[in-house]
Protein backbone atom coordinates (compact mmCIF):
# COMPACT_ATOMS: atom_id res chain seq x y z
CA MET A 1 10.00 24.69 -13.62
CA THR A 2 9.28 24.10 -9.89
CA GLU A 3 11.46 22.15 -7.24
CA PHE A 4 9.21 20.59 -4.72
CA VAL A 5 11.09 19.38 -1.66
CA LEU A 6 8.52 16.94 0.01
CA VAL A 7 8.68 16.36 3.54
CA ALA A 8 6.86 13.30 5.40
CA GLY A 9 5.36 13.47 9.00
CA ALA A 10 6.07 11.39 12.11
CA TRP A 11 7.47 8.26 11.76
CA LEU A 12 7.75 8.10 7.87
CA GLY A 13 10.70 8.73 5.52
CA SER A 14 11.01 10.07 2.12
CA TRP A 15 9.68 6.81 0.97
CA ALA A 16 6.26 7.60 1.65
CA TRP A 17 5.81 10.20 -1.28
CA ASP A 18 6.47 7.59 -3.90
CA GLU A 19 3.43 7.68 -5.79
CA VAL A 20 3.68 11.50 -5.96
CA VAL A 21 7.06 11.85 -7.00
CA PRO A 22 6.56 10.27 -10.53
CA GLN A 23 3.60 12.59 -11.18
CA LEU A 24 5.10 15.58 -10.63
CA ARG A 25 8.69 14.69 -12.04
CA ALA A 26 6.25 13.98 -15.44
CA ALA A 27 4.54 17.01 -15.59
CA GLY A 28 8.23 18.57 -16.09
CA HIS A 29 9.07 19.51 -12.23
CA GLY A 30 11.53 18.63 -9.84
CA ALA A 31 11.01 15.87 -7.52
CA HIS A 32 13.40 15.62 -3.73
CA PRO A 33 11.70 13.86 -1.21
CA LEU A 34 13.51 13.96 1.71
CA THR A 35 13.99 11.61 4.67
CA LEU A 36 14.32 13.59 8.49
CA SER A 37 17.79 12.48 10.64
CA GLY A 38 17.11 9.88 13.06
CA LEU A 39 14.30 8.60 10.70
CA ALA A 40 13.61 5.44 7.85
CA GLU A 41 17.41 4.96 6.72
CA LYS A 42 18.52 7.54 8.98
CA GLN A 43 17.86 6.13 12.02
CA GLY A 44 20.08 6.25 14.92
CA VAL A 45 21.24 10.10 13.79
CA PRO A 46 20.78 12.15 16.66
CA ALA A 47 18.04 15.03 15.60
CA GLY A 48 15.77 17.88 17.77
CA GLN A 49 13.42 19.86 15.91
CA GLN A 50 16.57 22.47 14.33
CA THR A 51 17.87 19.20 12.88
CA HIS A 52 14.77 18.36 10.94
CA VAL A 53 14.69 22.28 9.98
CA GLN A 54 18.67 22.11 8.84
CA ASP A 55 18.14 19.33 6.77
CA ILE A 56 15.37 20.58 4.65
CA VAL A 57 17.65 24.03 4.42
CA ASP A 58 20.29 21.78 3.64
CA GLU A 59 18.50 19.34 0.88
CA VAL A 60 17.61 23.23 -0.90
CA GLU A 61 20.93 24.70 -0.85
CA ARG A 62 23.40 21.29 -1.45
CA ARG A 63 21.32 21.32 -4.59
CA ASP A 64 21.20 24.99 -5.12
CA LEU A 65 16.99 24.42 -5.70
CA ARG A 66 15.06 28.00 -6.70
CA GLY A 67 11.54 28.08 -7.38
CA VAL A 68 11.42 25.95 -4.22
CA VAL A 69 8.05 25.04 -3.15
CA LEU A 70 8.56 23.55 0.17
CA VAL A 71 5.44 20.40 1.16
CA GLY A 72 4.97 19.19 5.23
CA HIS A 73 3.20 16.68 6.07
CA SER A 74 1.69 16.20 9.47
CA TYR A 75 4.41 17.12 12.20
CA SER A 76 6.86 18.12 9.41
CA GLY A 77 4.69 21.31 8.74
CA ILE A 78 6.64 22.57 12.26
CA PRO A 79 10.51 22.36 10.48
CA VAL A 80 9.25 23.09 6.97
CA GLY A 81 7.93 26.62 7.96
CA GLN A 82 11.00 27.28 9.86
CA ALA A 83 13.03 26.09 6.98
CA ALA A 84 10.58 28.45 4.17
CA GLU A 85 11.70 31.61 6.32
CA ARG A 86 16.09 30.55 6.09
CA ILE A 87 15.87 29.93 2.45
CA GLY A 88 15.16 33.28 1.46
CA ASP A 89 14.28 34.13 -2.56
CA ARG A 90 14.23 30.48 -3.36
CA LEU A 91 11.31 29.82 -1.90
CA ALA A 92 8.39 30.15 -3.97
CA ARG A 93 5.49 28.93 -1.60
CA VAL A 94 4.66 26.53 1.00
CA VAL A 95 2.20 23.60 1.26
CA PHE A 96 1.07 22.43 4.74
CA VAL A 97 -0.45 18.99 3.85
CA ASP A 98 -2.72 18.57 7.25
CA SER A 99 0.31 19.62 9.01
CA ASN A 100 0.92 21.63 12.25
CA VAL A 101 2.35 24.35 11.70
CA PRO A 102 5.54 26.15 13.79
CA ALA A 103 4.17 29.43 17.10
CA ASP A 104 7.84 30.46 18.03
CA GLY A 105 8.79 29.24 21.00
CA GLU A 106 6.38 26.52 20.97
CA SER A 107 6.78 23.15 20.13
CA PHE A 108 4.90 19.66 18.66
CA VAL A 109 4.18 18.47 22.61
CA SER A 110 3.51 22.01 24.21
CA GLY A 111 0.50 22.12 20.99
CA TRP A 112 -0.36 19.06 21.14
CA TRP A 113 -4.37 17.91 21.46
CA GLU A 114 -4.24 15.64 24.57
CA GLY A 115 -1.64 17.62 26.82
CA PRO A 116 1.82 18.01 26.58
CA ALA A 117 1.97 15.55 29.80
CA LYS A 118 0.89 12.82 27.59
CA LEU A 119 2.58 12.84 24.90
CA GLU A 120 5.97 13.21 27.50
CA ALA A 121 5.44 10.12 29.42
CA SER A 122 4.71 8.20 25.97
CA ILE A 123 7.87 9.59 25.04
CA ALA A 124 9.84 8.91 27.67
CA GLY A 125 8.15 5.19 28.34
CA ASN A 126 9.87 4.95 24.78
CA GLY A 127 13.49 5.42 25.61
CA GLY A 128 13.22 8.76 24.67
CA PHE A 129 10.75 8.15 20.82
CA TRP A 130 7.88 8.29 20.05
CA ALA A 131 6.24 4.71 19.14
CA PRO A 132 4.52 4.19 15.67
CA LEU A 133 1.38 4.08 15.17
CA THR A 134 -0.58 0.63 14.96
CA ALA A 135 -2.55 -0.32 12.18
CA ALA A 136 -5.72 0.27 14.40
CA ASP A 137 -4.85 4.03 14.70
CA TYR A 138 -5.22 3.95 10.74
CA ASP A 139 -9.03 3.22 10.70
CA GLY A 140 -11.68 6.33 8.78
CA GLN A 141 -8.72 7.38 7.24
CA GLY A 142 -9.62 6.66 3.83
CA LEU A 143 -6.92 4.20 3.67
CA THR A 144 -6.97 0.58 1.83
CA ASN A 145 -5.45 -2.62 4.76
CA GLU A 146 -2.65 -2.85 1.69
CA GLN A 147 -1.66 0.80 2.50
CA ILE A 148 -2.38 1.06 5.74
CA ALA A 149 -0.13 -2.48 5.87
CA ARG A 150 3.05 -0.24 4.30
CA ILE A 151 2.30 2.64 5.89
CA VAL A 152 3.08 0.54 9.53
CA GLY A 153 5.59 -1.39 7.79
CA GLY A 154 7.90 1.35 7.44
CA SER A 155 7.19 3.64 9.42
CA THR A 156 10.17 4.07 12.65
CA PRO A 157 10.05 5.31 16.24
CA HIS A 158 10.64 9.41 16.01
CA PRO A 159 12.64 10.70 17.80
CA GLY A 160 11.20 12.90 21.06
CA ALA A 161 13.43 15.63 20.83
CA SER A 162 12.31 17.03 17.78
CA LEU A 163 9.28 17.14 19.17
CA ALA A 164 9.80 18.73 22.77
CA GLU A 165 12.89 21.39 21.04
CA PRO A 166 11.12 24.65 20.71
CA ALA A 167 10.36 26.32 17.29
CA VAL A 168 12.27 29.37 16.29
CA LEU A 169 10.78 32.22 14.07
CA ALA A 170 12.28 35.06 12.60
CA ARG A 171 9.13 36.62 11.48
CA PRO A 172 5.31 36.29 10.99
CA LEU A 173 4.52 32.58 9.88
CA GLY A 174 1.00 34.68 7.42
CA GLU A 175 3.44 37.00 5.79
CA LEU A 176 4.96 33.25 3.93
CA PRO A 177 3.07 32.53 0.68
CA ALA A 178 1.26 29.22 1.56
CA THR A 179 -1.60 26.60 0.66
CA TYR A 180 -3.35 24.78 2.93
CA ILE A 181 -4.64 21.39 2.31
CA LYS A 182 -7.05 20.45 5.25
CA CYS A 183 -8.12 16.25 5.19
CA LEU A 184 -11.90 16.12 6.07
CA LEU A 185 -11.50 12.79 7.25
CA ASP A 186 -9.30 13.84 10.13
CA GLY A 187 -11.41 16.45 11.04
CA ALA A 188 -13.27 19.43 8.81
CA GLU A 189 -12.31 22.14 10.28
CA PRO A 190 -8.81 23.57 10.26
CA SER A 191 -6.51 24.05 13.83
CA ASP A 192 -7.51 27.51 15.43
CA ASP A 193 -4.01 28.65 14.64
CA VAL A 194 -4.08 27.35 11.56
CA ALA A 195 -7.62 29.18 10.94
CA GLU A 196 -6.52 32.63 12.22
CA LEU A 197 -3.12 32.24 9.51
CA LEU A 198 -6.03 31.30 6.90
CA THR A 199 -7.93 35.02 7.03
CA GLY A 200 -4.27 36.73 5.82
CA GLU A 201 -3.62 37.12 2.59
CA HIS A 202 -0.75 35.18 1.72
CA TRP A 203 -2.28 31.75 3.06
CA ARG A 204 -5.45 29.93 1.19
CA LEU A 205 -7.40 26.66 2.33
CA VAL A 206 -7.98 23.41 -0.16
CA GLU A 207 -10.30 20.71 0.75
CA MET A 208 -9.16 16.57 0.38
CA ASP A 209 -11.97 14.47 1.23
CA THR A 210 -9.49 11.47 2.67
CA GLY A 211 -7.78 11.03 5.93
CA HIS A 212 -4.73 12.30 7.15
CA TRP A 213 -2.51 10.08 4.83
CA PRO A 214 -3.20 11.25 1.29
CA MET A 215 -0.21 10.50 -0.07
CA PHE A 216 -1.09 6.78 0.30
CA SER A 217 -5.23 7.34 0.68
CA GLN A 218 -5.45 9.71 -2.58
CA PRO A 219 -1.49 10.56 -4.09
CA GLY A 220 -2.74 11.51 -7.91
CA GLU A 221 -5.26 14.19 -6.15
CA LEU A 222 -2.42 15.57 -4.00
CA ALA A 223 0.02 15.31 -6.90
CA GLN A 224 -2.35 17.79 -8.68
CA LEU A 225 -3.22 20.01 -5.63
CA LEU A 226 0.74 20.61 -5.61
CA LEU A 227 1.12 21.14 -9.25
CA ASP A 228 -1.75 23.73 -8.40
CA ALA A 229 -0.69 25.39 -5.65
CA ALA A 230 3.05 25.66 -7.51
CA GLY A 231 0.90 27.84 -10.12
CA GLU A 232 -0.36 30.31 -7.48
């Protein structure tokens, strides 16, 4: 039996996995969607990067989970990648869903594709939070209007401190057993740092013909890929 711990990306909470969790449980596994501090029903809780790492570690240890597959989507690949090495032999595999990955001493902001200054300014101008996307920002990602409305309606501002605080890794990320799911509508190729990790023996690449939010656009297909990854 695998225990899946599922962590959605920026602005989202555990609710983002509502259509994935039942399929994992129907297959006989545990599924534990997690809301990170400062988001969704945990709004108002101060949260830095290491707070989010500890959220994930605490979930695993509190439930005494074994055979854990940690699943990190988008931003949450950064805290999930750090938590993975901290839960020791409880870990079975990490699945990064079209996500960022942690680099020791680097933050989400420092790797921002438009440059750190632009994201820093956006966060500063929004009271220390990263404002959620608008409906128009989800165009071209394989989502229906109803799915977009659901994401936008449920999103909450993301605590900027968690984006600016650097990751802390005790050993190379490439040593973790990992599957990287690349969503092709969000870019045909993995980022350079992910591509380098995929050259190692412990990482494998899987592709989905959908956008950056597959838990909404293709939840059944995503659930099956997670089950496949657990069987590696």
